[in-house]
Amino acid sequence: MSASTIRAIRRKKSGLSEVKLVVLGATGVGKTALTVRFLTKRFIGEYDHQTENRYKNEMMVDGEPVIFEVLDTCPKVEGAFPKEETLHWADGFMLVYSITDRSSFNYVKELRQRLRHSIATSSSTSTHQMPYPVLIVANKSDLIHLRQVGTEEGEIFAKENDDGFAEVSASDHVTQVSEAFDALCREVHAFRRRSKQSLLDRMLGNKGGIKNDTNKK
């Protein structure tokens, strides 16, 4: 029996939590650097890929094992919006911009609004319900001398949308990058609990309504 088969059996028996995250942002903001830093703890400064990459790894969050599947997107056209199937595949979204590039911040603003509209308009066929977990990440905080977007701007934008916020450096911050992904994972878990509770409340409410109608008869 191969090692991969053994791991698959162990995961099935243990019922490990699986979290699917999509990393979105303009080209050159460090999406891949952040993803690889999180999964491997290593930093590689230059990436040249023309297609999206999907990574899968088992990590620990709050002492519990979690299977992370991270989709690192690569817009073929600057300012392009991700495909609908990508949005519906994800459990949570990480929107990344560079503090040294205001246009990347503006793109994240537009992306956030389009993301809200896309999922809201397809709620009848999508498993997503508002609010869905989103984390705004300002990358390249080590390049302070080139800063174009202030920390407060990012914090205000995230707060306006009820999103999380983190300012990190993929090149310098190992712990902070991991904490950002971990925080998004926790939000996914919290969202799932709220969704289950909401469904349970609706089911109990419907049962209560039936009972009341019967009593009236």
Protein backbone atom coordinates (compact mmCIF):
# COMPACT_ATOMS: atom_id res chain seq x y z
CA MET A 1 0.00 0.00 0.00
CA SER A 2 1.48 3.35 -1.05
CA ALA A 3 2.11 6.24 1.33
CA SER A 4 -0.46 8.38 -0.49
CA THR A 5 -3.11 5.66 -0.08
CA ILE A 6 -2.36 5.39 3.61
CA ARG A 7 -2.69 9.16 4.01
CA ALA A 8 -6.01 9.14 2.13
CA ILE A 9 -7.39 6.39 4.40
CA ARG A 10 -6.19 8.21 7.50
CA ARG A 11 -7.84 11.44 6.38
CA LYS A 12 -11.10 9.67 5.62
CA LYS A 13 -11.17 7.99 9.01
CA SER A 14 -10.14 11.10 10.92
CA GLY A 15 -12.61 13.36 9.13
CA LEU A 16 -10.11 16.18 8.71
CA SER A 17 -11.48 19.59 7.88
CA GLU A 18 -10.92 20.63 4.27
CA VAL A 19 -10.69 24.32 3.39
CA LYS A 20 -10.54 25.65 -0.17
CA LEU A 21 -9.10 29.14 -0.54
CA VAL A 22 -8.70 31.33 -3.63
CA VAL A 23 -5.97 33.96 -3.74
CA LEU A 24 -6.95 36.88 -5.98
CA GLY A 25 -5.20 40.07 -7.00
CA ALA A 26 -3.44 41.92 -9.79
CA THR A 27 -0.27 40.57 -11.36
CA GLY A 28 2.95 41.19 -9.48
CA VAL A 29 1.46 41.70 -6.01
CA GLY A 30 2.99 38.50 -4.60
CA LYS A 31 0.09 36.04 -4.59
CA THR A 32 2.32 33.06 -5.35
CA ALA A 33 5.02 34.23 -2.95
CA LEU A 34 2.47 34.39 -0.13
CA THR A 35 1.00 30.99 -0.99
CA VAL A 36 4.37 29.25 -1.21
CA ARG A 37 5.59 30.99 1.95
CA PHE A 38 2.54 29.67 3.80
CA LEU A 39 2.78 26.11 2.52
CA THR A 40 6.57 25.62 2.56
CA LYS A 41 7.90 28.44 4.80
CA ARG A 42 10.29 29.29 1.96
CA PHE A 43 10.46 32.52 -0.01
CA ILE A 44 11.24 32.66 -3.70
CA GLY A 45 11.33 36.19 -5.05
CA GLU A 46 10.57 35.65 -8.71
CA TYR A 47 7.75 33.58 -10.20
CA ASP A 48 6.92 33.36 -13.87
CA HIS A 49 3.78 31.34 -14.43
CA GLN A 50 1.07 31.99 -16.98
CA THR A 51 -1.60 29.70 -15.55
CA GLU A 52 -3.29 29.32 -12.19
CA ASN A 53 -1.79 26.81 -9.78
CA ARG A 54 -3.54 24.67 -7.19
CA TYR A 55 -1.70 23.54 -4.08
CA LYS A 56 -2.81 21.04 -1.46
CA ASN A 57 -1.23 20.40 1.92
CA GLU A 58 -2.09 19.38 5.46
CA MET A 59 -1.41 22.07 8.08
CA MET A 60 -2.17 22.64 11.75
CA VAL A 61 -4.58 25.38 12.82
CA ASP A 62 -5.16 25.85 16.55
CA GLY A 63 -3.75 22.39 17.15
CA GLU A 64 -6.14 20.75 14.68
CA PRO A 65 -5.10 19.31 11.29
CA VAL A 66 -6.62 21.00 8.26
CA ILE A 67 -6.30 20.03 4.61
CA PHE A 68 -5.69 23.27 2.72
CA GLU A 69 -6.34 23.51 -0.99
CA VAL A 70 -5.17 26.88 -2.26
CA LEU A 71 -5.87 28.17 -5.77
CA ASP A 72 -3.29 30.74 -6.84
CA THR A 73 -4.95 32.64 -9.68
CA CYS A 74 -3.14 34.23 -12.59
CA PRO A 75 -5.20 36.76 -14.58
CA LYS A 76 -4.23 36.46 -18.23
CA VAL A 77 -5.49 39.97 -18.86
CA GLU A 78 -4.81 42.82 -16.45
CA GLY A 79 -7.99 43.59 -14.53
CA ALA A 80 -9.73 40.40 -15.61
CA PHE A 81 -12.32 38.94 -13.25
CA PRO A 82 -12.11 35.27 -12.15
CA LYS A 83 -14.45 32.68 -13.61
CA GLU A 84 -17.75 31.91 -11.91
CA GLU A 85 -16.75 28.29 -11.27
CA THR A 86 -13.68 29.55 -9.40
CA LEU A 87 -15.84 31.67 -7.11
CA HIS A 88 -18.26 28.86 -6.34
CA TRP A 89 -15.42 26.38 -5.74
CA ALA A 90 -13.94 28.42 -2.91
CA ASP A 91 -14.76 28.41 0.80
CA GLY A 92 -12.90 31.66 1.38
CA PHE A 93 -11.17 34.45 -0.54
CA MET A 94 -7.86 36.24 -0.01
CA LEU A 95 -7.65 39.52 -1.92
CA VAL A 96 -4.05 40.71 -2.23
CA TYR A 97 -2.61 44.08 -3.19
CA SER A 98 0.85 45.61 -2.93
CA ILE A 99 1.41 48.64 -0.72
CA THR A 100 3.81 49.89 -3.44
CA ASP A 101 1.17 49.85 -6.18
CA ARG A 102 -1.98 51.90 -5.79
CA SER A 103 -3.47 50.47 -8.97
CA SER A 104 -3.38 47.01 -7.36
CA PHE A 105 -5.31 48.42 -4.39
CA ASN A 106 -7.89 49.95 -6.72
CA TYR A 107 -8.17 46.59 -8.49
CA VAL A 108 -8.88 44.84 -5.18
CA LYS A 109 -11.61 47.39 -4.48
CA GLU A 110 -13.25 46.65 -7.80
CA LEU A 111 -12.70 42.93 -7.35
CA ARG A 112 -14.41 43.04 -3.96
CA GLN A 113 -17.49 44.73 -5.38
CA ARG A 114 -17.68 42.34 -8.32
CA LEU A 115 -17.23 39.41 -6.00
CA ARG A 116 -20.12 40.57 -3.84
CA HIS A 117 -22.35 41.13 -6.85
CA SER A 118 -21.45 37.84 -8.53
CA ILE A 119 -22.20 35.63 -5.55
CA ALA A 120 -25.24 37.66 -4.46
CA THR A 121 -26.90 37.41 -7.87
CA SER A 122 -26.33 33.65 -8.06
CA SER A 123 -27.35 32.87 -4.48
CA SER A 124 -30.32 30.82 -5.66
CA THR A 125 -28.01 28.22 -7.23
CA SER A 126 -24.91 28.70 -5.09
CA THR A 127 -24.14 27.16 -1.72
CA HIS A 128 -22.63 30.49 -0.63
CA GLN A 129 -24.59 32.83 1.58
CA MET A 130 -23.66 36.34 2.64
CA PRO A 131 -21.42 37.09 4.32
CA TYR A 132 -18.72 34.85 2.93
CA PRO A 133 -15.19 34.88 4.39
CA VAL A 134 -12.86 37.42 2.79
CA LEU A 135 -9.43 38.57 3.97
CA ILE A 136 -7.79 41.68 2.54
CA VAL A 137 -3.99 41.30 2.49
CA ALA A 138 -1.56 44.17 1.92
CA ASN A 139 1.73 42.64 0.80
CA LYS A 140 5.30 43.99 0.56
CA SER A 141 5.18 45.87 3.86
CA ASP A 142 8.99 45.70 3.94
CA LEU A 143 9.17 48.22 1.07
CA ILE A 144 8.12 51.18 3.21
CA HIS A 145 10.15 53.66 1.14
CA LEU A 146 8.03 52.77 -1.89
CA ARG A 147 4.66 52.81 -0.11
CA GLN A 148 1.72 54.21 -2.07
CA VAL A 149 -1.13 52.78 0.03
CA GLY A 150 -1.30 53.54 3.73
CA THR A 151 -2.12 50.89 6.33
CA GLU A 152 -5.15 52.87 7.50
CA GLU A 153 -6.58 52.92 3.98
CA GLY A 154 -6.50 49.14 3.83
CA GLU A 155 -7.98 48.79 7.30
CA ILE A 156 -10.83 51.18 6.53
CA PHE A 157 -11.63 49.41 3.26
CA ALA A 158 -11.70 46.00 4.96
CA LYS A 159 -13.87 47.31 7.80
CA GLU A 160 -16.37 48.83 5.37
CA ASN A 161 -16.89 45.37 3.88
CA ASP A 162 -16.76 43.48 7.19
CA ASP A 163 -13.61 41.71 6.02
CA GLY A 164 -10.44 40.76 7.83
CA PHE A 165 -7.22 42.67 7.18
CA ALA A 166 -3.51 41.91 7.39
CA GLU A 167 -0.43 43.80 6.26
CA VAL A 168 2.50 41.45 5.71
CA SER A 169 5.70 40.88 3.81
CA ALA A 170 6.04 37.58 1.97
CA SER A 171 9.80 38.05 1.93
CA ASP A 172 10.27 38.85 5.63
CA HIS A 173 7.27 37.53 7.56
CA VAL A 174 6.86 33.79 7.98
CA THR A 175 4.66 33.87 11.06
CA GLN A 176 2.46 36.76 9.91
CA VAL A 177 1.79 35.12 6.54
CA SER A 178 0.81 31.86 8.24
CA GLU A 179 -1.40 33.74 10.67
CA ALA A 180 -3.21 35.43 7.77
CA PHE A 181 -4.09 32.09 6.15
CA ASP A 182 -4.98 30.61 9.54
CA ALA A 183 -7.29 33.56 10.26
CA LEU A 184 -9.11 33.01 6.97
CA CYS A 185 -9.41 29.31 7.77
CA ARG A 186 -11.03 30.16 11.12
CA GLU A 187 -13.48 32.46 9.35
CA VAL A 188 -14.42 29.62 7.00
CA HIS A 189 -15.07 27.35 9.99
CA ALA A 190 -17.12 30.07 11.69
CA PHE A 191 -19.12 30.63 8.50
CA ARG A 192 -19.89 26.92 8.25
CA ARG A 193 -21.10 26.84 11.86
CA ARG A 194 -23.34 29.85 11.27
CA SER A 195 -24.73 28.30 8.09
CA LYS A 196 -25.51 25.01 9.85
CA GLN A 197 -27.14 26.82 12.75
CA SER A 198 -29.20 28.96 10.36
CA LEU A 199 -30.37 25.85 8.51
CA LEU A 200 -31.25 24.15 11.80
CA ASP A 201 -33.17 27.20 12.98
CA ARG A 202 -35.17 27.29 9.74
CA MET A 203 -35.96 23.59 10.00
CA LEU A 204 -37.10 23.93 13.60
CA GLY A 205 -39.07 27.03 12.67
CA ASN A 206 -40.89 25.16 9.93
CA LYS A 207 -41.69 22.28 12.29
CA GLY A 208 -42.97 24.76 14.83
CA GLY A 209 -45.21 26.34 12.21
CA ILE A 210 -46.71 22.99 11.25
CA LYS A 211 -47.36 22.17 14.88
CA ASN A 212 -49.11 25.48 15.48
CA ASP A 213 -51.36 25.00 12.46
CA THR A 214 -52.32 21.56 13.70
CA ASN A 215 -53.21 22.93 17.12
CA LYS A 216 -55.48 25.52 15.54
CA LYS A 217 -57.43 22.75 13.86
